[in-house]
Amino acid sequence: MQAVQNFFKELTRDILDVTFTLFKIMIPIIIIIKVIEEMGGIVLLSEWLSPIMELVGLPKELGLVWATTILTNIYAGLIVFINLDMSLSVAQVSILGSMMLLAHSLPIEAAIAKKAGVNLIATLVIRIGGSLLLAWLLNISYQFGDFLNQPAVTLWQTETSTDTSYLGWGLDQVKNFGIIFVVIAALLFTLKILKLLGIEKLMAILLRPFLRILGVSREATNLTIIGITLGLSFGGGLLISEAKRGHIAARDVFTAIMLLNLLHSLIEDTLLIMLIGADFTTIFWGRLVFSVLVVALIAQLTKRLDDHFCERYFYRSVAQ
């Protein structure tokens, strides 16, 4: 009986610790982004991004979609995309979708990465630079091979909110935080059960060869898997908690976060982008292969650099 009480006492403490860390980052940033949106900041950013969109074979109007996605999230970007009502090819939608998958929710997710000890500039470079590089490579490939030129079929259906007031927006955010809390609680409970059953160790053994290539440590394995499947906010929040306790080295946290920057929420986000007519092979396997190659190169680079140099420009320890 005492063991059960200790189990749930420790679980409750972990849940509150992880959610408090995430909410402390997310709440002020969400408010700031809302202010920027109301002041026309997203429209201004879209104007800056228009020339870039044309470089990767997309209409300049889609700069508004990517700008919205970068500052808010994929859902908001998709709503803007639907409202533009543009006729695009599968290739174009796949390029746009890949950019959205790699670079979205940057104010919140970059702040989470920074909280884990990863340099803010490094995060922005890998996410924005990575998305542009992948889009450029895809555009060249599609043009060279004359692939996916058929019209894209959009399946996404939007629901227009009847309450556009600040109160309605605030209530939506509260609901989102409630969902996040429930998901984190379920994740932490599952992790503890997996530890008790020994399944966590088995997962680590099976995935270790793959993650070793990327330089992800054994201690960060399961948390990285959570981030890849469910999202950087969840995986990153758990990594922050473990990093603060000194359970994971700063270099390992950096490699794990770099991977999660490019490859997270692999299930939900992929399905979302498919709803606007993107090619599955491109947005799933293309993103997966690209992310693994880029992070493998980063991991090898940091191994060859001096620790003091890395700690100054790439990451820092957050252990308490």
C-alpha atoms as a PDB file:
ATOM      1  CA  MET A   1       0.000   0.000   0.000  1.00  0.00           C
ATOM      2  CA  GLN A   2       2.819   2.353   0.859  1.00  0.00           C
ATOM      3  CA  ALA A   3       4.475   1.590  -2.471  1.00  0.00           C
ATOM      4  CA  VAL A   4       1.285   2.531  -4.330  1.00  0.00           C
ATOM      5  CA  GLN A   5       1.008   5.806  -2.412  1.00  0.00           C
ATOM      6  CA  ASN A   6       4.628   6.635  -3.189  1.00  0.00           C
ATOM      7  CA  PHE A   7       4.027   5.808  -6.856  1.00  0.00           C
ATOM      8  CA  PHE A   8       1.149   8.267  -7.215  1.00  0.00           C
ATOM      9  CA  LYS A   9       2.819  10.871  -5.016  1.00  0.00           C
ATOM     10  CA  GLU A  10       5.876  10.841  -7.249  1.00  0.00           C
ATOM     11  CA  LEU A  11       3.692  10.782 -10.363  1.00  0.00           C
ATOM     12  CA  THR A  12       1.729  13.839  -9.200  1.00  0.00           C
ATOM     13  CA  ARG A  13       4.932  15.730  -8.434  1.00  0.00           C
ATOM     14  CA  ASP A  14       6.339  14.934 -11.880  1.00  0.00           C
ATOM     15  CA  ILE A  15       3.122  15.959 -13.641  1.00  0.00           C
ATOM     16  CA  LEU A  16       2.986  19.303 -11.854  1.00  0.00           C
ATOM     17  CA  ASP A  17       6.683  19.913 -12.466  1.00  0.00           C
ATOM     18  CA  VAL A  18       6.490  19.247 -16.207  1.00  0.00           C
ATOM     19  CA  THR A  19       3.222  21.120 -16.822  1.00  0.00           C
ATOM     20  CA  PHE A  20       4.308  24.110 -14.731  1.00  0.00           C
ATOM     21  CA  THR A  21       7.531  24.351 -16.734  1.00  0.00           C
ATOM     22  CA  LEU A  22       5.642  24.229 -20.033  1.00  0.00           C
ATOM     23  CA  PHE A  23       2.844  26.603 -19.043  1.00  0.00           C
ATOM     24  CA  LYS A  24       5.326  29.128 -17.685  1.00  0.00           C
ATOM     25  CA  ILE A  25       6.829  29.261 -21.168  1.00  0.00           C
ATOM     26  CA  MET A  26       3.662  29.002 -23.237  1.00  0.00           C
ATOM     27  CA  ILE A  27       1.245  31.408 -21.530  1.00  0.00           C
ATOM     28  CA  PRO A  28       3.200  34.672 -21.931  1.00  0.00           C
ATOM     29  CA  ILE A  29       4.253  33.775 -25.478  1.00  0.00           C
ATOM     30  CA  ILE A  30       0.677  32.987 -26.532  1.00  0.00           C
ATOM     31  CA  ILE A  31      -0.440  36.383 -25.230  1.00  0.00           C
ATOM     32  CA  ILE A  32       2.418  38.154 -27.016  1.00  0.00           C
ATOM     33  CA  ILE A  33       1.624  36.381 -30.287  1.00  0.00           C
ATOM     34  CA  LYS A  34      -2.037  37.408 -29.975  1.00  0.00           C
ATOM     35  CA  VAL A  35      -0.969  41.035 -29.575  1.00  0.00           C
ATOM     36  CA  ILE A  36       1.347  40.752 -32.603  1.00  0.00           C
ATOM     37  CA  GLU A  37      -1.466  39.221 -34.618  1.00  0.00           C
ATOM     38  CA  GLU A  38      -3.890  42.009 -33.680  1.00  0.00           C
ATOM     39  CA  MET A  39      -1.281  44.627 -34.677  1.00  0.00           C
ATOM     40  CA  GLY A  40      -0.801  43.112 -38.131  1.00  0.00           C
ATOM     41  CA  GLY A  41       2.559  41.516 -37.429  1.00  0.00           C
ATOM     42  CA  ILE A  42       1.698  38.274 -39.220  1.00  0.00           C
ATOM     43  CA  VAL A  43       0.702  40.113 -42.394  1.00  0.00           C
ATOM     44  CA  LEU A  44       3.970  42.068 -42.294  1.00  0.00           C
ATOM     45  CA  LEU A  45       5.988  38.879 -41.896  1.00  0.00           C
ATOM     46  CA  SER A  46       4.148  37.328 -44.834  1.00  0.00           C
ATOM     47  CA  GLU A  47       5.254  40.233 -47.035  1.00  0.00           C
ATOM     48  CA  TRP A  48       8.883  39.579 -46.084  1.00  0.00           C
ATOM     49  CA  LEU A  49       8.476  35.882 -46.857  1.00  0.00           C
ATOM     50  CA  SER A  50       6.846  36.355 -50.290  1.00  0.00           C
ATOM     51  CA  PRO A  51      10.129  36.413 -52.307  1.00  0.00           C
ATOM     52  CA  ILE A  52      11.303  33.286 -50.490  1.00  0.00           C
ATOM     53  CA  MET A  53       8.143  31.411 -51.448  1.00  0.00           C
ATOM     54  CA  GLU A  54       8.757  32.125 -55.124  1.00  0.00           C
ATOM     55  CA  LEU A  55      12.309  30.751 -54.814  1.00  0.00           C
ATOM     56  CA  VAL A  56      10.924  27.339 -53.840  1.00  0.00           C
ATOM     57  CA  GLY A  57       8.298  27.280 -56.584  1.00  0.00           C
ATOM     58  CA  LEU A  58       5.308  28.561 -54.597  1.00  0.00           C
ATOM     59  CA  PRO A  59       2.986  31.530 -55.189  1.00  0.00           C
ATOM     60  CA  LYS A  60       3.992  34.538 -53.093  1.00  0.00           C
ATOM     61  CA  GLU A  61       0.531  34.627 -51.500  1.00  0.00           C
ATOM     62  CA  LEU A  62       1.441  31.481 -49.580  1.00  0.00           C
ATOM     63  CA  GLY A  63       3.874  33.571 -47.534  1.00  0.00           C
ATOM     64  CA  LEU A  64       0.875  34.448 -45.363  1.00  0.00           C
ATOM     65  CA  VAL A  65       0.258  30.747 -44.698  1.00  0.00           C
ATOM     66  CA  TRP A  66       3.835  30.083 -43.625  1.00  0.00           C
ATOM     67  CA  ALA A  67       4.031  33.283 -41.581  1.00  0.00           C
ATOM     68  CA  THR A  68       0.884  32.308 -39.692  1.00  0.00           C
ATOM     69  CA  THR A  69       2.241  28.794 -39.155  1.00  0.00           C
ATOM     70  CA  ILE A  70       5.616  30.045 -37.916  1.00  0.00           C
ATOM     71  CA  LEU A  71       4.120  32.386 -35.331  1.00  0.00           C
ATOM     72  CA  THR A  72       1.101  30.306 -34.274  1.00  0.00           C
ATOM     73  CA  ASN A  73       0.625  26.666 -35.315  1.00  0.00           C
ATOM     74  CA  ILE A  74      -0.191  24.335 -38.195  1.00  0.00           C
ATOM     75  CA  TYR A  75      -3.937  24.507 -37.542  1.00  0.00           C
ATOM     76  CA  ALA A  76      -3.975  28.295 -37.965  1.00  0.00           C
ATOM     77  CA  GLY A  77      -1.806  28.036 -41.071  1.00  0.00           C
ATOM     78  CA  LEU A  78      -4.176  25.508 -42.613  1.00  0.00           C
ATOM     79  CA  ILE A  79      -7.167  27.753 -41.963  1.00  0.00           C
ATOM     80  CA  VAL A  80      -5.408  30.617 -43.777  1.00  0.00           C
ATOM     81  CA  PHE A  81      -4.533  28.232 -46.615  1.00  0.00           C
ATOM     82  CA  ILE A  82      -8.146  27.141 -47.055  1.00  0.00           C
ATOM     83  CA  ASN A  83      -9.380  30.722 -47.038  1.00  0.00           C
ATOM     84  CA  LEU A  84      -6.963  31.646 -49.848  1.00  0.00           C
ATOM     85  CA  ASP A  85      -8.784  29.099 -52.056  1.00  0.00           C
ATOM     86  CA  MET A  86      -5.881  28.593 -54.502  1.00  0.00           C
ATOM     87  CA  SER A  87      -5.471  25.875 -57.133  1.00  0.00           C
ATOM     88  CA  LEU A  88      -2.146  24.141 -56.540  1.00  0.00           C
ATOM     89  CA  SER A  89      -0.432  20.975 -57.676  1.00  0.00           C
ATOM     90  CA  VAL A  90       0.340  18.083 -55.340  1.00  0.00           C
ATOM     91  CA  ALA A  91       4.016  19.040 -55.651  1.00  0.00           C
ATOM     92  CA  GLN A  92       3.366  22.612 -54.496  1.00  0.00           C
ATOM     93  CA  VAL A  93       1.185  21.531 -51.585  1.00  0.00           C
ATOM     94  CA  SER A  94       3.821  18.972 -50.574  1.00  0.00           C
ATOM     95  CA  ILE A  95       6.530  21.643 -50.579  1.00  0.00           C
ATOM     96  CA  LEU A  96       4.387  24.030 -48.539  1.00  0.00           C
ATOM     97  CA  GLY A  97       3.385  21.227 -46.180  1.00  0.00           C
ATOM     98  CA  SER A  98       7.018  20.252 -45.606  1.00  0.00           C
ATOM     99  CA  MET A  99       7.862  23.861 -44.729  1.00  0.00           C
ATOM    100  CA  MET A 100       4.959  23.988 -42.291  1.00  0.00           C
ATOM    101  CA  LEU A 101       5.991  20.700 -40.680  1.00  0.00           C
ATOM    102  CA  LEU A 102       9.569  21.829 -40.041  1.00  0.00           C
ATOM    103  CA  ALA A 103       8.902  25.445 -39.045  1.00  0.00           C
ATOM    104  CA  HIS A 104       5.793  26.097 -36.953  1.00  0.00           C
ATOM    105  CA  SER A 105       4.937  27.423 -33.496  1.00  0.00           C
ATOM    106  CA  LEU A 106       8.472  28.793 -33.256  1.00  0.00           C
ATOM    107  CA  PRO A 107       7.937  31.281 -30.393  1.00  0.00           C
ATOM    108  CA  ILE A 108       6.705  28.518 -28.088  1.00  0.00           C
ATOM    109  CA  GLU A 109       8.777  25.596 -29.312  1.00  0.00           C
ATOM    110  CA  ALA A 110      12.003  27.613 -29.560  1.00  0.00           C
ATOM    111  CA  ALA A 111      11.422  28.804 -25.996  1.00  0.00           C
ATOM    112  CA  ILE A 112      10.984  25.180 -24.874  1.00  0.00           C
ATOM    113  CA  ALA A 113      14.233  24.221 -26.602  1.00  0.00           C
ATOM    114  CA  LYS A 114      15.986  27.174 -24.941  1.00  0.00           C
ATOM    115  CA  LYS A 115      14.647  26.110 -21.557  1.00  0.00           C
ATOM    116  CA  ALA A 116      16.262  22.726 -22.167  1.00  0.00           C
ATOM    117  CA  GLY A 117      19.584  24.499 -22.673  1.00  0.00           C
ATOM    118  CA  VAL A 118      19.675  24.688 -26.484  1.00  0.00           C
ATOM    119  CA  ASN A 119      20.854  27.963 -28.038  1.00  0.00           C
ATOM    120  CA  LEU A 120      17.964  29.968 -29.493  1.00  0.00           C
ATOM    121  CA  ILE A 121      19.858  30.846 -32.691  1.00  0.00           C
ATOM    122  CA  ALA A 122      20.737  27.191 -33.247  1.00  0.00           C
ATOM    123  CA  THR A 123      17.055  26.262 -32.985  1.00  0.00           C
ATOM    124  CA  LEU A 124      15.906  28.968 -35.400  1.00  0.00           C
ATOM    125  CA  VAL A 125      18.638  28.138 -37.912  1.00  0.00           C
ATOM    126  CA  ILE A 126      17.859  24.418 -37.907  1.00  0.00           C
ATOM    127  CA  ARG A 127      14.101  24.941 -38.188  1.00  0.00           C
ATOM    128  CA  ILE A 128      13.831  27.826 -40.641  1.00  0.00           C
ATOM    129  CA  GLY A 129      16.990  26.945 -42.539  1.00  0.00           C
ATOM    130  CA  GLY A 130      16.063  23.269 -42.586  1.00  0.00           C
ATOM    131  CA  SER A 131      12.571  23.973 -43.900  1.00  0.00           C
ATOM    132  CA  LEU A 132      13.921  26.190 -46.699  1.00  0.00           C
ATOM    133  CA  LEU A 133      16.603  23.663 -47.633  1.00  0.00           C
ATOM    134  CA  LEU A 134      14.108  20.808 -47.779  1.00  0.00           C
ATOM    135  CA  ALA A 135      11.653  22.933 -49.803  1.00  0.00           C
ATOM    136  CA  TRP A 136      14.421  23.886 -52.246  1.00  0.00           C
ATOM    137  CA  LEU A 137      15.513  20.265 -52.678  1.00  0.00           C
ATOM    138  CA  LEU A 138      11.931  19.122 -53.211  1.00  0.00           C
ATOM    139  CA  ASN A 139      11.270  21.862 -55.766  1.00  0.00           C
ATOM    140  CA  ILE A 140      14.371  20.915 -57.762  1.00  0.00           C
ATOM    141  CA  SER A 141      13.452  17.223 -57.601  1.00  0.00           C
ATOM    142  CA  TYR A 142       9.869  17.791 -58.707  1.00  0.00           C
ATOM    143  CA  GLN A 143      10.902  20.045 -61.595  1.00  0.00           C
ATOM    144  CA  PHE A 144      13.682  17.705 -62.742  1.00  0.00           C
ATOM    145  CA  GLY A 145      11.509  14.612 -62.706  1.00  0.00           C
ATOM    146  CA  ASP A 146       8.250  16.350 -63.584  1.00  0.00           C
ATOM    147  CA  PHE A 147       6.626  14.707 -60.553  1.00  0.00           C
ATOM    148  CA  LEU A 148       3.265  15.271 -58.838  1.00  0.00           C
ATOM    149  CA  ASN A 149       1.930  17.839 -61.277  1.00  0.00           C
ATOM    150  CA  GLN A 150      -1.669  16.718 -60.849  1.00  0.00           C
ATOM    151  CA  PRO A 151      -4.031  19.100 -58.996  1.00  0.00           C
ATOM    152  CA  ALA A 152      -4.104  18.713 -55.235  1.00  0.00           C
ATOM    153  CA  VAL A 153      -7.398  17.653 -53.659  1.00  0.00           C
ATOM    154  CA  THR A 154      -8.135  19.400 -50.372  1.00  0.00           C
ATOM    155  CA  LEU A 155     -10.058  17.419 -47.771  1.00  0.00           C
ATOM    156  CA  TRP A 156      -9.690  19.893 -44.908  1.00  0.00           C
ATOM    157  CA  GLN A 157     -12.928  21.453 -43.709  1.00  0.00           C
ATOM    158  CA  THR A 158     -12.779  24.443 -41.378  1.00  0.00           C
ATOM    159  CA  GLU A 159     -15.233  25.311 -38.650  1.00  0.00           C
ATOM    160  CA  THR A 160     -15.726  29.021 -38.258  1.00  0.00           C
ATOM    161  CA  SER A 161     -15.845  30.006 -34.613  1.00  0.00           C
ATOM    162  CA  THR A 162     -19.002  31.890 -33.639  1.00  0.00           C
ATOM    163  CA  ASP A 163     -17.195  33.634 -30.787  1.00  0.00           C
ATOM    164  CA  THR A 164     -14.394  35.879 -32.062  1.00  0.00           C
ATOM    165  CA  SER A 165     -14.122  37.894 -28.852  1.00  0.00           C
ATOM    166  CA  TYR A 166     -11.069  37.961 -26.611  1.00  0.00           C
ATOM    167  CA  LEU A 167     -13.076  35.984 -24.058  1.00  0.00           C
ATOM    168  CA  GLY A 168     -13.748  33.263 -26.611  1.00  0.00           C
ATOM    169  CA  TRP A 169     -10.064  33.190 -27.551  1.00  0.00           C
ATOM    170  CA  GLY A 170      -9.122  32.951 -23.877  1.00  0.00           C
ATOM    171  CA  LEU A 171     -11.518  30.063 -23.269  1.00  0.00           C
ATOM    172  CA  ASP A 172     -10.051  28.200 -26.265  1.00  0.00           C
ATOM    173  CA  GLN A 173      -6.578  28.575 -24.768  1.00  0.00           C
ATOM    174  CA  VAL A 174      -7.785  27.261 -21.399  1.00  0.00           C
ATOM    175  CA  LYS A 175      -9.221  24.209 -23.161  1.00  0.00           C
ATOM    176  CA  ASN A 176      -5.904  23.663 -24.938  1.00  0.00           C
ATOM    177  CA  PHE A 177      -4.001  23.828 -21.648  1.00  0.00           C
ATOM    178  CA  GLY A 178      -6.417  21.328 -20.144  1.00  0.00           C
ATOM    179  CA  ILE A 179      -5.754  18.917 -23.015  1.00  0.00           C
ATOM    180  CA  ILE A 180      -1.998  19.366 -22.626  1.00  0.00           C
ATOM    181  CA  PHE A 181      -2.245  18.646 -18.889  1.00  0.00           C
ATOM    182  CA  VAL A 182      -4.211  15.438 -19.501  1.00  0.00           C
ATOM    183  CA  VAL A 183      -1.807  14.252 -22.222  1.00  0.00           C
ATOM    184  CA  ILE A 184       1.264  14.894 -20.052  1.00  0.00           C
ATOM    185  CA  ALA A 185      -0.335  13.108 -17.097  1.00  0.00           C
ATOM    186  CA  ALA A 186      -1.130  10.103 -19.296  1.00  0.00           C
ATOM    187  CA  LEU A 187       2.383  10.093 -20.747  1.00  0.00           C
ATOM    188  CA  LEU A 188       4.106  10.200 -17.374  1.00  0.00           C
ATOM    189  CA  PHE A 189       1.831   7.491 -15.997  1.00  0.00           C
ATOM    190  CA  THR A 190       2.565   5.312 -19.035  1.00  0.00           C
ATOM    191  CA  LEU A 191       6.300   5.898 -18.693  1.00  0.00           C
ATOM    192  CA  LYS A 192       6.266   4.790 -15.068  1.00  0.00           C
ATOM    193  CA  ILE A 193       4.293   1.654 -15.935  1.00  0.00           C
ATOM    194  CA  LEU A 194       6.739   0.884 -18.734  1.00  0.00           C
ATOM    195  CA  LYS A 195       9.587   1.224 -16.274  1.00  0.00           C
ATOM    196  CA  LEU A 196       7.926  -1.162 -13.839  1.00  0.00           C
ATOM    197  CA  LEU A 197       7.303  -3.727 -16.578  1.00  0.00           C
ATOM    198  CA  GLY A 198      10.797  -3.385 -18.016  1.00  0.00           C
ATOM    199  CA  ILE A 199       9.384  -2.426 -21.422  1.00  0.00           C
ATOM    200  CA  GLU A 200      11.203   0.900 -21.330  1.00  0.00           C
ATOM    201  CA  LYS A 201      14.542  -0.925 -21.282  1.00  0.00           C
ATOM    202  CA  LEU A 202      13.431  -3.160 -24.152  1.00  0.00           C
ATOM    203  CA  MET A 203      12.430  -0.126 -26.246  1.00  0.00           C
ATOM    204  CA  ALA A 204      15.764   1.504 -25.542  1.00  0.00           C
ATOM    205  CA  ILE A 205      17.624  -1.651 -26.619  1.00  0.00           C
ATOM    206  CA  LEU A 206      15.663  -1.934 -29.889  1.00  0.00           C
ATOM    207  CA  LEU A 207      16.043   1.727 -30.801  1.00  0.00           C
ATOM    208  CA  ARG A 208      19.567   2.184 -29.535  1.00  0.00           C
ATOM    209  CA  PRO A 209      21.314   1.303 -32.866  1.00  0.00           C
ATOM    210  CA  PHE A 210      19.195   3.870 -34.750  1.00  0.00           C
ATOM    211  CA  LEU A 211      19.554   6.594 -32.143  1.00  0.00           C
ATOM    212  CA  ARG A 212      23.276   5.923 -31.743  1.00  0.00           C
ATOM    213  CA  ILE A 213      23.764   7.124 -35.313  1.00  0.00           C
ATOM    214  CA  LEU A 214      22.192  10.414 -34.306  1.00  0.00           C
ATOM    215  CA  GLY A 215      24.062  10.643 -31.023  1.00  0.00           C
ATOM    216  CA  VAL A 216      20.938  10.397 -28.848  1.00  0.00           C
ATOM    217  CA  SER A 217      21.867   8.878 -25.479  1.00  0.00           C
ATOM    218  CA  ARG A 218      20.112   5.896 -23.892  1.00  0.00           C
ATOM    219  CA  GLU A 219      18.719   8.152 -21.142  1.00  0.00           C
ATOM    220  CA  ALA A 220      17.006  10.378 -23.702  1.00  0.00           C
ATOM    221  CA  THR A 221      15.663   7.564 -25.881  1.00  0.00           C
ATOM    222  CA  ASN A 222      12.075   7.223 -24.626  1.00  0.00           C
ATOM    223  CA  LEU A 223      11.580  10.958 -24.177  1.00  0.00           C
ATOM    224  CA  THR A 224      12.772  11.507 -27.732  1.00  0.00           C
ATOM    225  CA  ILE A 225      10.307   8.874 -28.979  1.00  0.00           C
ATOM    226  CA  ILE A 226       7.491  10.719 -27.203  1.00  0.00           C
ATOM    227  CA  GLY A 227       8.483  13.965 -28.889  1.00  0.00           C
ATOM    228  CA  ILE A 228       8.749  12.336 -32.313  1.00  0.00           C
ATOM    229  CA  THR A 229       5.296  10.756 -32.081  1.00  0.00           C
ATOM    230  CA  LEU A 230       3.336  13.329 -30.053  1.00  0.00           C
ATOM    231  CA  GLY A 231       5.129  16.664 -30.321  1.00  0.00           C
ATOM    232  CA  LEU A 232       8.059  18.789 -29.182  1.00  0.00           C
ATOM    233  CA  SER A 233       6.047  20.387 -26.381  1.00  0.00           C
ATOM    234  CA  PHE A 234       5.515  17.008 -24.730  1.00  0.00           C
ATOM    235  CA  GLY A 235       8.911  15.469 -25.439  1.00  0.00           C
ATOM    236  CA  GLY A 236      10.695  18.758 -24.821  1.00  0.00           C
ATOM    237  CA  GLY A 237       8.909  19.306 -21.534  1.00  0.00           C
ATOM    238  CA  LEU A 238       9.980  15.885 -20.289  1.00  0.00           C
ATOM    239  CA  LEU A 239      13.549  16.480 -21.496  1.00  0.00           C
ATOM    240  CA  ILE A 240      13.661  19.764 -19.571  1.00  0.00           C
ATOM    241  CA  SER A 241      12.583  17.968 -16.415  1.00  0.00           C
ATOM    242  CA  GLU A 242      15.221  15.256 -16.806  1.00  0.00           C
ATOM    243  CA  ALA A 243      17.935  17.736 -17.789  1.00  0.00           C
ATOM    244  CA  LYS A 244      17.276  19.850 -14.691  1.00  0.00           C
ATOM    245  CA  ARG A 245      17.687  16.787 -12.526  1.00  0.00           C
ATOM    246  CA  GLY A 246      21.022  16.062 -14.175  1.00  0.00           C
ATOM    247  CA  HIS A 247      19.829  12.740 -15.591  1.00  0.00           C
ATOM    248  CA  ILE A 248      20.755  13.659 -19.187  1.00  0.00           C
ATOM    249  CA  ALA A 249      23.960  15.388 -20.296  1.00  0.00           C
ATOM    250  CA  ALA A 250      23.694  18.773 -22.020  1.00  0.00           C
ATOM    251  CA  ARG A 251      25.202  17.435 -25.256  1.00  0.00           C
ATOM    252  CA  ASP A 252      22.645  14.607 -25.351  1.00  0.00           C
ATOM    253  CA  VAL A 253      19.782  17.019 -24.695  1.00  0.00           C
ATOM    254  CA  PHE A 254      21.045  19.191 -27.562  1.00  0.00           C
ATOM    255  CA  THR A 255      21.097  16.270 -30.010  1.00  0.00           C
ATOM    256  CA  ALA A 256      17.640  15.089 -28.909  1.00  0.00           C
ATOM    257  CA  ILE A 257      16.164  18.584 -29.224  1.00  0.00           C
ATOM    258  CA  MET A 258      17.773  19.064 -32.651  1.00  0.00           C
ATOM    259  CA  LEU A 259      16.043  15.883 -33.790  1.00  0.00           C
ATOM    260  CA  LEU A 260      12.739  16.960 -32.267  1.00  0.00           C
ATOM    261  CA  ASN A 261      13.064  20.386 -33.911  1.00  0.00           C
ATOM    262  CA  LEU A 262      12.813  18.713 -37.306  1.00  0.00           C
ATOM    263  CA  LEU A 263      10.930  15.534 -36.507  1.00  0.00           C
ATOM    264  CA  HIS A 264       8.107  15.744 -33.986  1.00  0.00           C
ATOM    265  CA  SER A 265       4.384  15.026 -33.836  1.00  0.00           C
ATOM    266  CA  LEU A 266       5.004  12.619 -36.711  1.00  0.00           C
ATOM    267  CA  ILE A 267       1.493  11.167 -36.613  1.00  0.00           C
ATOM    268  CA  GLU A 268      -0.839  14.126 -36.030  1.00  0.00           C
ATOM    269  CA  ASP A 269       1.005  16.725 -38.106  1.00  0.00           C
ATOM    270  CA  THR A 270       1.456  14.361 -41.047  1.00  0.00           C
ATOM    271  CA  LEU A 271      -2.271  13.615 -41.121  1.00  0.00           C
ATOM    272  CA  LEU A 272      -3.080  17.330 -40.964  1.00  0.00           C
ATOM    273  CA  ILE A 273      -0.917  18.175 -43.964  1.00  0.00           C
ATOM    274  CA  MET A 274      -2.316  15.233 -45.931  1.00  0.00           C
ATOM    275  CA  LEU A 275      -5.766  16.802 -45.578  1.00  0.00           C
ATOM    276  CA  ILE A 276      -4.742  19.616 -47.933  1.00  0.00           C
ATOM    277  CA  GLY A 277      -3.607  17.168 -50.625  1.00  0.00           C
ATOM    278  CA  ALA A 278       0.107  16.681 -49.872  1.00  0.00           C
ATOM    279  CA  ASP A 279       1.970  13.565 -50.952  1.00  0.00           C
ATOM    280  CA  PHE A 280       2.440  11.128 -48.043  1.00  0.00           C
ATOM    281  CA  THR A 281       5.843   9.891 -49.194  1.00  0.00           C
ATOM    282  CA  THR A 282       7.161  13.453 -49.279  1.00  0.00           C
ATOM    283  CA  ILE A 283       5.861  14.709 -45.964  1.00  0.00           C
ATOM    284  CA  PHE A 284       6.479  11.505 -44.005  1.00  0.00           C
ATOM    285  CA  TRP A 285       9.442   9.626 -45.448  1.00  0.00           C
ATOM    286  CA  GLY A 286      11.001  12.689 -47.020  1.00  0.00           C
ATOM    287  CA  ARG A 287      10.873  14.556 -43.718  1.00  0.00           C
ATOM    288  CA  LEU A 288      12.098  11.512 -41.805  1.00  0.00           C
ATOM    289  CA  VAL A 289      15.119  10.879 -44.018  1.00  0.00           C
ATOM    290  CA  PHE A 290      16.009  14.576 -44.241  1.00  0.00           C
ATOM    291  CA  SER A 291      15.805  14.997 -40.447  1.00  0.00           C
ATOM    292  CA  VAL A 292      17.928  11.928 -39.717  1.00  0.00           C
ATOM    293  CA  LEU A 293      20.639  12.987 -42.172  1.00  0.00           C
ATOM    294  CA  VAL A 294      20.785  16.576 -40.915  1.00  0.00           C
ATOM    295  CA  VAL A 295      20.881  15.620 -37.232  1.00  0.00           C
ATOM    296  CA  ALA A 296      23.460  12.899 -37.904  1.00  0.00           C
ATOM    297  CA  LEU A 297      25.705  15.559 -39.463  1.00  0.00           C
ATOM    298  CA  ILE A 298      25.105  17.905 -36.519  1.00  0.00           C
ATOM    299  CA  ALA A 299      25.881  15.138 -34.035  1.00  0.00           C
ATOM    300  CA  GLN A 300      29.139  14.302 -35.786  1.00  0.00           C
ATOM    301  CA  LEU A 301      30.080  17.976 -35.965  1.00  0.00           C
ATOM    302  CA  THR A 302      29.540  18.645 -32.262  1.00  0.00           C
ATOM    303  CA  LYS A 303      31.563  15.546 -31.363  1.00  0.00           C
ATOM    304  CA  ARG A 304      34.543  17.007 -33.178  1.00  0.00           C
ATOM    305  CA  LEU A 305      34.224  20.454 -31.639  1.00  0.00           C
ATOM    306  CA  ASP A 306      35.660  21.513 -28.306  1.00  0.00           C
ATOM    307  CA  ASP A 307      33.245  21.196 -25.357  1.00  0.00           C
ATOM    308  CA  HIS A 308      33.755  24.823 -24.341  1.00  0.00           C
ATOM    309  CA  PHE A 309      32.978  25.988 -27.879  1.00  0.00           C
ATOM    310  CA  CYS A 310      29.771  23.931 -27.992  1.00  0.00           C
ATOM    311  CA  GLU A 311      28.679  25.139 -24.561  1.00  0.00           C
ATOM    312  CA  ARG A 312      29.172  28.711 -25.682  1.00  0.00           C
ATOM    313  CA  TYR A 313      27.400  28.581 -29.035  1.00  0.00           C
ATOM    314  CA  PHE A 314      25.144  25.516 -29.082  1.00  0.00           C
ATOM    315  CA  TYR A 315      23.984  24.430 -25.633  1.00  0.00           C
ATOM    316  CA  ARG A 316      24.363  24.813 -21.898  1.00  0.00           C
ATOM    317  CA  SER A 317      23.672  22.664 -18.883  1.00  0.00           C
ATOM    318  CA  VAL A 318      20.439  23.371 -17.002  1.00  0.00           C
ATOM    319  CA  ALA A 319      21.081  20.867 -14.215  1.00  0.00           C
ATOM    320  CA  GLN A 320      20.155  22.180 -10.785  1.00  0.00           C
END
